[in-house]
Amino acid sequence: MNPKNPLNRRTFLRGLGATIAVPYLEIMGRSTIFAQAGQREPRRLACFYIPGAIDRHGWFPRDTGRNYTLAPTHQPLAGHRDDFTVLTNLLHIQGRISGHVHPYNWLTGHNINLTPGTITNTVSMDQVAARHLGPTWLPSLQLSFADGVGTATLSRNALGVDIPATSNHRNVFERLFPPADRDQLRAAQARIELNRSILDAAGESVRDFQRPLGAADRRRLDQYLESIRDVERRLNDSERILERGRPRFNEAAVRVQPEARNSMREHIELMFDLIVLAFQTDMTRVVTHSLGGEGGPNYDEYREWAMRAGAPVRGAHDVHHKGGQAAAESADAAVIHSRDVMFCDLCARMIQKLKDIRATEGTLFDHTVLLLGGAQISSHSGRSFPTLLAGGRHLGFRHGQHIRFQGERKPMSDLYLTILQQLACPVTSFKESTGPIRELLA
């Protein structure tokens, strides 16, 4: 391969009736756009939500500290042992909820049932990060197993409103990159101008409206105005990025169509590849991804895992209920254990891809924080969130340990505060935080 043009190799080789992906680095070479330009590397964040329950017997390590014994579920990550930390007994305290609504507040820590009969929410941690980690083409990217809002998305804006998630790989790819075609460019510039004029009109109307308001209403309106200012800043960022143009990479090498229509593994795998590409090309620096639904979809893997374990074939909802509450040696526990192991295997694959990409200092992984976790150990239980934090060595994180907190007194918000501060976000608190987790820091 010509080292001056690393993008011209074919991406797929056919062999034994299977499609084999040529190493991912053929898409764009072996470095970030910042390393290529000799510029300072930005910070990045990706949060991955584990739906429903977990196999509590396989997830939590038995001992703590730096010499802990790796838990069975985390065995696929053994090669990256020094690059991640397992945290046990984190939870939402004031924001504790129950049922299948945990995706609503996993990243917010808010008690969504505070007002009876309606769901209320506050800003999610990723959106606090997105506000400070730009400018990028997309301030943040929401991915999921299904398009939409509610439990399909993990992200809430400054007003606590759901930010819709995307499940279609091609739609994600098209959203990630500025248009290259002249006509598409003109249309994108026109949309920016239209959105800017709408915001100008809205701002004038609101300022006239706010004069007679009381203190509480004024605070709420201030939040709304701040949201408008955020959008204005992002429109300006988008305009500058549009002028700079689409980054150059081998677009034909990017897979945006899964080969198996009902494969959970491949759906997540392709999304992870798009995340790596987005971070490498700096199209976004913040991603959330719900890895599945609390009650579905019922991917083929669930049937395969059940048959292998000798368990009844159940849908995802029942797998979460039965597997999360089952005894250690039961077939139902083995089914959900297989799913958890798959998540860790996919996470290990992504970590390696990030490590293989050179950054201005170290690798892309050193400048990226990955959060893999959920909000239930058994179905409907909001105790001891399964939590794994990886990456960010150049951001000041120290890994290779299992940290177990005592009782049910350590808020998940402390971890969120720690992440935000290491991402250099100017925040001193998040929701019910009491302070950063010092054990995570170098």
Protein backbone atom coordinates (compact mmCIF):
# COMPACT_ATOMS: atom_id res chain seq x y z
CA MET A 1 0.00 0.00 0.00
CA ASN A 2 1.30 3.47 -0.86
CA PRO A 3 1.89 5.21 2.50
CA LYS A 4 1.03 8.59 0.92
CA ASN A 5 -2.42 7.32 0.00
CA PRO A 6 -3.55 4.82 2.65
CA LEU A 7 -7.21 4.94 1.59
CA ASN A 8 -7.23 3.02 -1.68
CA ARG A 9 -7.36 -0.59 -0.53
CA ARG A 10 -10.57 -2.54 -0.92
CA THR A 11 -12.44 -2.87 2.34
CA PHE A 12 -13.90 -6.33 2.06
CA LEU A 13 -12.37 -9.63 1.13
CA ARG A 14 -14.55 -12.57 0.23
CA GLY A 15 -13.60 -15.91 1.66
CA LEU A 16 -15.33 -19.09 2.77
CA GLY A 17 -18.68 -17.48 2.04
CA ALA A 18 -18.16 -14.79 4.69
CA THR A 19 -17.46 -11.09 4.49
CA ILE A 20 -14.23 -10.20 6.27
CA ALA A 21 -13.52 -6.56 7.09
CA VAL A 22 -10.03 -5.33 6.23
CA PRO A 23 -8.53 -3.54 9.28
CA TYR A 24 -10.59 -0.51 10.17
CA LEU A 25 -7.60 1.80 9.94
CA GLU A 26 -7.68 1.50 6.15
CA ILE A 27 -10.65 3.88 6.21
CA MET A 28 -8.64 6.95 7.14
CA GLY A 29 -5.08 6.02 8.00
CA ARG A 30 -3.65 5.62 11.47
CA SER A 31 -4.15 8.97 13.16
CA THR A 32 -6.68 11.60 14.19
CA ILE A 33 -7.03 14.77 12.15
CA PHE A 34 -5.38 16.63 15.05
CA ALA A 35 -2.34 14.36 15.00
CA GLN A 36 -2.08 14.87 11.23
CA ALA A 37 -2.11 18.64 11.73
CA GLY A 38 0.09 18.62 14.85
CA GLN A 39 -2.66 20.28 16.90
CA ARG A 40 -3.76 19.76 20.50
CA GLU A 41 -6.09 16.79 20.90
CA PRO A 42 -9.67 17.44 22.18
CA ARG A 43 -11.46 15.36 24.82
CA ARG A 44 -14.24 12.93 24.00
CA LEU A 45 -16.99 11.04 25.82
CA ALA A 46 -19.13 8.01 24.95
CA CYS A 47 -21.77 6.53 27.28
CA PHE A 48 -23.26 3.05 26.68
CA TYR A 49 -26.37 1.87 28.51
CA ILE A 50 -26.98 -1.80 29.37
CA PRO A 51 -30.75 -2.40 29.23
CA GLY A 52 -32.73 -4.23 31.91
CA ALA A 53 -30.93 -6.37 34.46
CA ILE A 54 -27.51 -8.02 34.42
CA ASP A 55 -26.11 -11.34 35.61
CA ARG A 56 -25.19 -10.09 39.08
CA HIS A 57 -23.25 -13.29 39.78
CA GLY A 58 -20.88 -12.68 36.89
CA TRP A 59 -20.54 -8.90 36.83
CA PHE A 60 -19.20 -7.88 40.25
CA PRO A 61 -15.58 -8.83 41.15
CA ARG A 62 -15.23 -10.62 44.48
CA ASP A 63 -12.26 -8.58 45.72
CA THR A 64 -11.19 -4.95 45.38
CA GLY A 65 -8.08 -2.87 44.73
CA ARG A 66 -5.58 -3.05 41.92
CA ASN A 67 -4.89 -6.78 42.27
CA TYR A 68 -8.55 -7.80 42.15
CA THR A 69 -9.68 -10.94 40.34
CA LEU A 70 -11.34 -10.12 37.04
CA ALA A 71 -15.07 -10.97 37.10
CA PRO A 72 -16.31 -13.66 34.67
CA THR A 73 -18.36 -11.14 32.67
CA HIS A 74 -15.31 -8.94 32.11
CA GLN A 75 -13.02 -11.67 30.74
CA PRO A 76 -13.19 -10.30 27.14
CA LEU A 77 -11.57 -7.13 28.53
CA ALA A 78 -8.62 -9.00 30.09
CA GLY A 79 -6.20 -7.64 27.48
CA HIS A 80 -7.16 -4.09 28.54
CA ARG A 81 -7.18 -4.75 32.28
CA ASP A 82 -5.09 -1.66 33.12
CA ASP A 83 -7.35 0.57 31.02
CA PHE A 84 -10.65 0.30 32.89
CA THR A 85 -12.09 0.46 36.40
CA VAL A 86 -15.08 -1.42 37.82
CA LEU A 87 -17.16 0.62 40.29
CA THR A 88 -19.64 -1.08 42.63
CA ASN A 89 -22.45 0.33 44.80
CA LEU A 90 -22.99 3.56 42.88
CA LEU A 91 -26.65 4.55 42.52
CA HIS A 92 -29.08 7.43 42.35
CA ILE A 93 -30.19 8.25 45.88
CA GLN A 94 -32.73 11.10 45.74
CA GLY A 95 -33.30 10.23 42.10
CA ARG A 96 -33.94 6.53 42.69
CA ILE A 97 -36.75 5.07 40.59
CA SER A 98 -38.04 1.60 39.71
CA GLY A 99 -39.39 -0.21 36.67
CA HIS A 100 -38.51 0.01 33.00
CA VAL A 101 -38.02 3.77 32.95
CA HIS A 102 -34.37 3.79 34.04
CA PRO A 103 -33.07 5.05 30.66
CA TYR A 104 -34.85 8.32 31.44
CA ASN A 105 -32.64 9.20 34.37
CA TRP A 106 -29.48 7.06 34.11
CA LEU A 107 -27.51 10.13 32.97
CA THR A 108 -29.58 12.77 34.79
CA GLY A 109 -29.98 11.40 38.34
CA HIS A 110 -33.36 13.11 38.53
CA ASN A 111 -36.42 11.62 40.22
CA ILE A 112 -38.64 11.62 37.15
CA ASN A 113 -41.71 10.82 39.29
CA LEU A 114 -41.33 13.95 41.41
CA THR A 115 -44.58 15.34 39.99
CA PRO A 116 -47.27 12.62 40.21
CA GLY A 117 -48.83 11.70 36.90
CA THR A 118 -46.12 13.19 34.70
CA ILE A 119 -42.47 12.59 33.85
CA THR A 120 -40.15 15.49 34.60
CA ASN A 121 -36.43 15.53 33.98
CA THR A 122 -33.27 17.63 34.03
CA VAL A 123 -30.18 17.90 31.86
CA SER A 124 -28.17 14.72 31.26
CA MET A 125 -24.46 14.55 31.98
CA ASP A 126 -23.52 14.10 28.32
CA GLN A 127 -25.26 17.35 27.38
CA VAL A 128 -23.30 19.25 30.02
CA ALA A 129 -20.18 17.84 28.37
CA ALA A 130 -21.45 18.68 24.87
CA ARG A 131 -21.89 22.30 25.87
CA HIS A 132 -18.17 22.63 26.63
CA LEU A 133 -16.44 20.18 24.26
CA GLY A 134 -17.14 21.87 20.92
CA PRO A 135 -17.07 23.18 18.34
CA THR A 136 -17.96 20.16 16.21
CA TRP A 137 -20.37 19.50 13.34
CA LEU A 138 -22.68 17.62 15.72
CA PRO A 139 -22.52 18.85 19.34
CA SER A 140 -23.56 15.33 20.37
CA LEU A 141 -24.81 12.12 18.79
CA GLN A 142 -27.63 9.98 20.24
CA LEU A 143 -27.71 6.33 19.16
CA SER A 144 -30.08 3.53 20.09
CA PHE A 145 -31.74 0.25 19.15
CA ALA A 146 -34.74 2.26 17.86
CA ASP A 147 -35.41 5.78 16.61
CA GLY A 148 -37.16 8.17 18.93
CA VAL A 149 -37.44 9.58 22.42
CA GLY A 150 -38.54 8.23 25.81
CA THR A 151 -36.61 5.13 26.83
CA ALA A 152 -34.98 4.94 23.38
CA THR A 153 -32.72 7.90 24.17
CA LEU A 154 -30.38 8.61 27.09
CA SER A 155 -29.95 12.35 26.45
CA ARG A 156 -31.98 15.29 27.83
CA ASN A 157 -31.36 18.93 27.01
CA ALA A 158 -31.02 21.87 29.42
CA LEU A 159 -34.79 21.87 29.93
CA GLY A 160 -34.90 18.12 30.60
CA VAL A 161 -36.51 17.44 27.22
CA ASP A 162 -35.67 14.20 25.37
CA ILE A 163 -33.18 14.46 22.51
CA PRO A 164 -34.22 11.91 19.85
CA ALA A 165 -31.97 8.92 19.18
CA THR A 166 -31.13 7.34 15.81
CA SER A 167 -30.90 3.61 15.09
CA ASN A 168 -30.28 3.53 11.33
CA HIS A 169 -26.58 3.29 10.45
CA ARG A 170 -26.89 5.14 7.14
CA ASN A 171 -28.84 7.96 8.77
CA VAL A 172 -26.13 8.21 11.42
CA PHE A 173 -23.42 8.40 8.76
CA GLU A 174 -25.28 11.09 6.80
CA ARG A 175 -25.87 13.14 9.95
CA LEU A 176 -22.24 12.90 11.00
CA PHE A 177 -20.63 14.55 7.99
CA PRO A 178 -21.20 17.89 6.24
CA PRO A 179 -22.46 17.56 2.66
CA ALA A 180 -19.88 17.39 -0.13
CA ASP A 181 -22.19 18.19 -3.06
CA ARG A 182 -22.48 21.91 -4.04
CA ASP A 183 -26.27 21.92 -4.05
CA GLN A 184 -26.37 20.14 -0.70
CA LEU A 185 -23.93 22.69 0.71
CA ARG A 186 -26.11 25.58 -0.41
CA ALA A 187 -29.18 23.89 1.12
CA ALA A 188 -27.32 23.35 4.43
CA GLN A 189 -26.23 27.01 4.50
CA ALA A 190 -29.81 28.10 3.82
CA ARG A 191 -31.07 25.95 6.70
CA ILE A 192 -28.54 27.56 9.05
CA GLU A 193 -29.69 31.05 8.04
CA LEU A 194 -33.35 30.10 8.42
CA ASN A 195 -32.76 28.63 11.88
CA ARG A 196 -30.81 31.72 12.90
CA SER A 197 -33.64 34.06 11.83
CA ILE A 198 -36.19 31.93 13.72
CA LEU A 199 -34.08 32.11 16.86
CA ASP A 200 -33.69 35.89 16.53
CA ALA A 201 -37.47 36.30 16.35
CA ALA A 202 -38.03 33.93 19.28
CA GLY A 203 -35.48 35.75 21.41
CA GLU A 204 -37.12 39.16 20.88
CA SER A 205 -40.58 37.79 21.77
CA VAL A 206 -39.32 36.13 24.95
CA ARG A 207 -37.49 39.23 26.17
CA ASP A 208 -40.71 41.24 25.86
CA PHE A 209 -42.59 38.50 27.71
CA GLN A 210 -40.24 38.12 30.69
CA ARG A 211 -40.49 41.59 32.25
CA PRO A 212 -43.56 41.02 34.49
CA LEU A 213 -42.64 37.46 35.56
CA GLY A 214 -42.00 36.25 39.10
CA ALA A 215 -38.68 34.81 40.25
CA ALA A 216 -39.49 31.10 39.60
CA ASP A 217 -40.92 31.76 36.14
CA ARG A 218 -37.99 34.01 35.32
CA ARG A 219 -35.51 31.26 36.23
CA ARG A 220 -37.35 28.83 33.99
CA LEU A 221 -37.37 31.34 31.18
CA ASP A 222 -33.66 32.01 31.69
CA GLN A 223 -33.07 28.30 31.11
CA TYR A 224 -35.01 28.54 27.88
CA LEU A 225 -33.03 31.59 26.75
CA GLU A 226 -29.77 29.83 27.58
CA SER A 227 -30.92 26.95 25.39
CA ILE A 228 -31.48 29.42 22.56
CA ARG A 229 -28.00 30.87 23.07
CA ASP A 230 -26.56 27.35 22.94
CA VAL A 231 -28.29 26.74 19.62
CA GLU A 232 -27.00 30.07 18.29
CA ARG A 233 -23.43 29.15 19.21
CA ARG A 234 -23.82 25.78 17.54
CA LEU A 235 -25.19 27.36 14.37
CA ASN A 236 -22.09 29.55 14.23
CA ASP A 237 -19.90 26.47 14.78
CA SER A 238 -21.76 24.59 12.03
CA GLU A 239 -21.27 27.46 9.61
CA ARG A 240 -17.50 27.51 10.18
CA ILE A 241 -17.25 23.73 9.84
CA LEU A 242 -19.33 23.86 6.66
CA GLU A 243 -16.82 26.32 5.21
CA ARG A 244 -13.96 24.00 6.16
CA GLY A 245 -15.68 21.15 4.34
CA ARG A 246 -16.06 17.41 4.70
CA PRO A 247 -13.03 15.53 6.06
CA ARG A 248 -11.32 13.28 3.53
CA PHE A 249 -11.56 9.56 4.11
CA ASN A 250 -12.47 6.46 2.15
CA GLU A 251 -16.27 6.66 2.36
CA ALA A 252 -16.70 3.46 0.37
CA ALA A 253 -14.92 1.64 3.19
CA VAL A 254 -17.56 2.49 5.80
CA ARG A 255 -20.18 -0.19 6.40
CA VAL A 256 -23.61 1.31 6.95
CA GLN A 257 -25.74 -1.75 6.24
CA PRO A 258 -25.75 -4.74 8.63
CA GLU A 259 -25.46 -8.12 6.96
CA ALA A 260 -27.81 -9.79 9.44
CA ARG A 261 -31.15 -8.01 9.89
CA ASN A 262 -31.79 -9.23 13.42
CA SER A 263 -28.29 -9.38 14.88
CA MET A 264 -27.76 -7.43 18.08
CA ARG A 265 -24.00 -7.86 17.84
CA GLU A 266 -23.70 -6.48 14.34
CA HIS A 267 -26.03 -3.57 15.00
CA ILE A 268 -23.88 -2.45 17.94
CA GLU A 269 -20.62 -3.28 16.17
CA LEU A 270 -21.41 -1.03 13.21
CA MET A 271 -22.51 1.78 15.54
CA PHE A 272 -19.24 1.47 17.45
CA ASP A 273 -17.30 1.73 14.18
CA LEU A 274 -19.17 4.92 13.31
CA ILE A 275 -18.39 6.33 16.77
CA VAL A 276 -14.68 5.67 16.29
CA LEU A 277 -14.79 7.33 12.86
CA ALA A 278 -16.71 10.31 14.28
CA PHE A 279 -14.10 10.79 17.03
CA GLN A 280 -11.20 10.33 14.61
CA THR A 281 -12.57 12.92 12.16
CA ASP A 282 -13.82 15.20 14.98
CA MET A 283 -17.39 15.35 13.69
CA THR A 284 -18.60 14.99 17.27
CA ARG A 285 -16.98 14.57 20.68
CA VAL A 286 -19.98 13.32 22.69
CA VAL A 287 -22.02 10.14 22.06
CA THR A 288 -24.70 8.25 23.95
CA HIS A 289 -25.82 4.80 22.90
CA SER A 290 -28.59 2.67 24.39
CA LEU A 291 -27.48 -0.89 23.61
CA GLY A 292 -31.00 -2.31 23.71
CA GLY A 293 -34.49 -1.83 25.08
CA GLU A 294 -35.84 -2.69 28.50
CA GLY A 295 -38.39 -4.90 26.78
CA GLY A 296 -36.87 -5.58 23.38
CA PRO A 297 -36.26 -5.90 20.52
CA ASN A 298 -36.05 -9.67 20.62
CA TYR A 299 -32.84 -10.24 18.70
CA ASP A 300 -31.95 -13.71 17.41
CA GLU A 301 -29.12 -13.94 19.92
CA TYR A 302 -31.58 -14.39 22.79
CA ARG A 303 -32.83 -17.61 21.18
CA GLU A 304 -29.28 -18.83 20.51
CA TRP A 305 -28.15 -18.13 24.08
CA ALA A 306 -31.20 -19.88 25.51
CA MET A 307 -30.70 -22.97 23.37
CA ARG A 308 -27.02 -23.13 24.31
CA ALA A 309 -27.83 -22.83 28.04
CA GLY A 310 -30.80 -25.20 27.95
CA ALA A 311 -33.13 -22.42 29.08
CA PRO A 312 -36.65 -21.64 27.87
CA VAL A 313 -36.63 -19.29 24.87
CA ARG A 314 -37.81 -15.91 26.14
CA GLY A 315 -38.06 -12.38 24.79
CA ALA A 316 -35.69 -9.68 26.02
CA HIS A 317 -38.13 -8.44 28.69
CA ASP A 318 -38.45 -11.89 30.27
CA VAL A 319 -34.72 -12.56 29.92
CA HIS A 320 -34.07 -9.45 32.03
CA HIS A 321 -36.60 -10.51 34.66
CA LYS A 322 -35.73 -14.21 34.87
CA GLY A 323 -31.98 -13.89 34.33
CA GLY A 324 -31.48 -10.96 36.65
CA GLN A 325 -33.19 -12.71 39.54
CA ALA A 326 -31.98 -16.26 38.88
CA ALA A 327 -29.61 -18.32 41.02
CA ALA A 328 -25.96 -18.39 40.00
CA GLU A 329 -25.98 -21.78 38.26
CA SER A 330 -29.38 -21.47 36.57
CA ALA A 331 -29.87 -21.60 32.81
CA ASP A 332 -31.70 -18.25 32.85
CA ALA A 333 -28.70 -16.58 34.50
CA ALA A 334 -26.49 -18.10 31.79
CA VAL A 335 -28.59 -16.43 29.08
CA ILE A 336 -28.23 -12.92 30.43
CA HIS A 337 -24.59 -13.64 31.26
CA SER A 338 -23.99 -14.38 27.56
CA ARG A 339 -25.49 -11.01 26.67
CA ASP A 340 -23.32 -9.18 29.23
CA VAL A 341 -20.19 -10.93 27.96
CA MET A 342 -21.08 -9.88 24.41
CA PHE A 343 -21.32 -6.24 25.51
CA CYS A 344 -17.88 -6.47 27.13
CA ASP A 345 -16.47 -8.18 24.04
CA LEU A 346 -17.77 -5.37 21.82
CA CYS A 347 -16.38 -2.81 24.25
CA ALA A 348 -12.95 -4.52 24.09
CA ARG A 349 -13.11 -4.39 20.29
CA MET A 350 -13.84 -0.65 20.38
CA ILE A 351 -11.06 0.01 22.89
CA GLN A 352 -8.57 -1.70 20.59
CA LYS A 353 -9.73 0.38 17.60
CA LEU A 354 -9.28 3.57 19.62
CA LYS A 355 -5.83 2.41 20.76
CA ASP A 356 -4.80 1.72 17.16
CA ILE A 357 -5.38 5.35 16.16
CA ARG A 358 -2.50 7.71 16.88
CA ALA A 359 -3.35 11.00 18.61
CA THR A 360 -1.21 14.10 19.02
CA GLU A 361 -0.07 12.52 22.29
CA GLY A 362 -0.59 8.81 22.80
CA THR A 363 -3.67 7.29 21.20
CA LEU A 364 -7.27 8.28 20.58
CA PHE A 365 -8.22 6.04 23.52
CA ASP A 366 -6.05 8.15 25.85
CA HIS A 367 -8.21 11.19 25.05
CA THR A 368 -11.56 9.39 25.22
CA VAL A 369 -13.71 8.46 28.23
CA LEU A 370 -15.93 5.39 27.82
CA LEU A 371 -18.72 4.67 30.29
CA LEU A 372 -20.41 1.26 30.08
CA GLY A 373 -23.17 0.63 32.59
CA GLY A 374 -26.79 0.31 33.53
CA ALA A 375 -29.21 1.13 36.31
CA GLN A 376 -30.39 -2.31 37.50
CA ILE A 377 -28.78 -5.44 38.89
CA SER A 378 -32.07 -7.29 38.83
CA SER A 379 -35.15 -6.20 36.99
CA HIS A 380 -36.81 -3.09 38.49
CA SER A 381 -34.04 -2.71 41.12
CA GLY A 382 -32.14 0.58 41.14
CA ARG A 383 -29.39 -0.64 43.50
CA SER A 384 -25.67 -0.87 42.76
CA PHE A 385 -25.51 0.22 39.15
CA PRO A 386 -23.27 -2.04 37.05
CA THR A 387 -20.56 0.45 36.07
CA LEU A 388 -17.32 0.24 34.10
CA LEU A 389 -15.21 3.29 33.22
CA ALA A 390 -12.42 3.12 30.63
CA GLY A 391 -9.90 5.33 28.85
CA GLY A 392 -8.82 8.91 29.41
CA ARG A 393 -5.23 8.31 30.54
CA HIS A 394 -4.18 11.72 29.19
CA LEU A 395 -7.18 13.26 30.94
CA GLY A 396 -5.90 12.19 34.34
CA PHE A 397 -7.70 8.88 34.92
CA ARG A 398 -6.03 5.95 36.67
CA HIS A 399 -7.45 2.49 36.01
CA GLY A 400 -6.77 -1.20 36.58
CA GLN A 401 -8.84 -1.46 39.77
CA HIS A 402 -12.14 -2.42 41.36
CA ILE A 403 -13.61 0.21 43.68
CA ARG A 404 -16.45 -0.89 45.96
CA PHE A 405 -18.26 1.77 47.96
CA GLN A 406 -20.00 0.99 51.23
CA GLY A 407 -23.75 0.59 51.47
CA GLU A 408 -26.09 2.66 49.33
CA ARG A 409 -24.59 6.06 50.07
CA LYS A 410 -22.41 6.91 47.06
CA PRO A 411 -24.31 8.83 44.35
CA MET A 412 -23.72 8.01 40.69
CA SER A 413 -23.60 11.78 40.26
CA ASP A 414 -20.15 11.75 41.89
CA LEU A 415 -18.87 9.72 38.94
CA TYR A 416 -20.58 12.10 36.51
CA LEU A 417 -18.97 15.08 38.24
CA THR A 418 -15.56 13.37 38.06
CA ILE A 419 -15.94 12.70 34.33
CA LEU A 420 -17.09 16.25 33.59
CA GLN A 421 -14.23 17.80 35.51
CA GLN A 422 -11.62 15.58 33.81
CA LEU A 423 -13.15 16.60 30.49
CA ALA A 424 -12.27 20.16 31.58
CA CYS A 425 -15.90 21.24 31.89
CA PRO A 426 -16.14 24.21 34.32
CA VAL A 427 -18.57 22.56 36.75
CA THR A 428 -18.38 22.15 40.53
CA SER A 429 -21.41 19.89 40.97
CA PHE A 430 -23.84 17.67 39.12
CA LYS A 431 -27.29 16.81 40.46
CA GLU A 432 -26.77 15.11 43.88
CA SER A 433 -22.97 14.94 43.74
CA THR A 434 -20.91 15.28 46.90
CA GLY A 435 -17.52 15.55 45.19
CA PRO A 436 -15.27 13.85 42.63
CA ILE A 437 -14.09 10.25 43.10
CA ARG A 438 -10.41 10.76 43.91
CA GLU A 439 -9.58 7.04 43.62
CA LEU A 440 -10.08 7.32 39.86
CA LEU A 441 -7.51 10.06 39.40
CA ALA A 442 -3.78 9.82 38.83
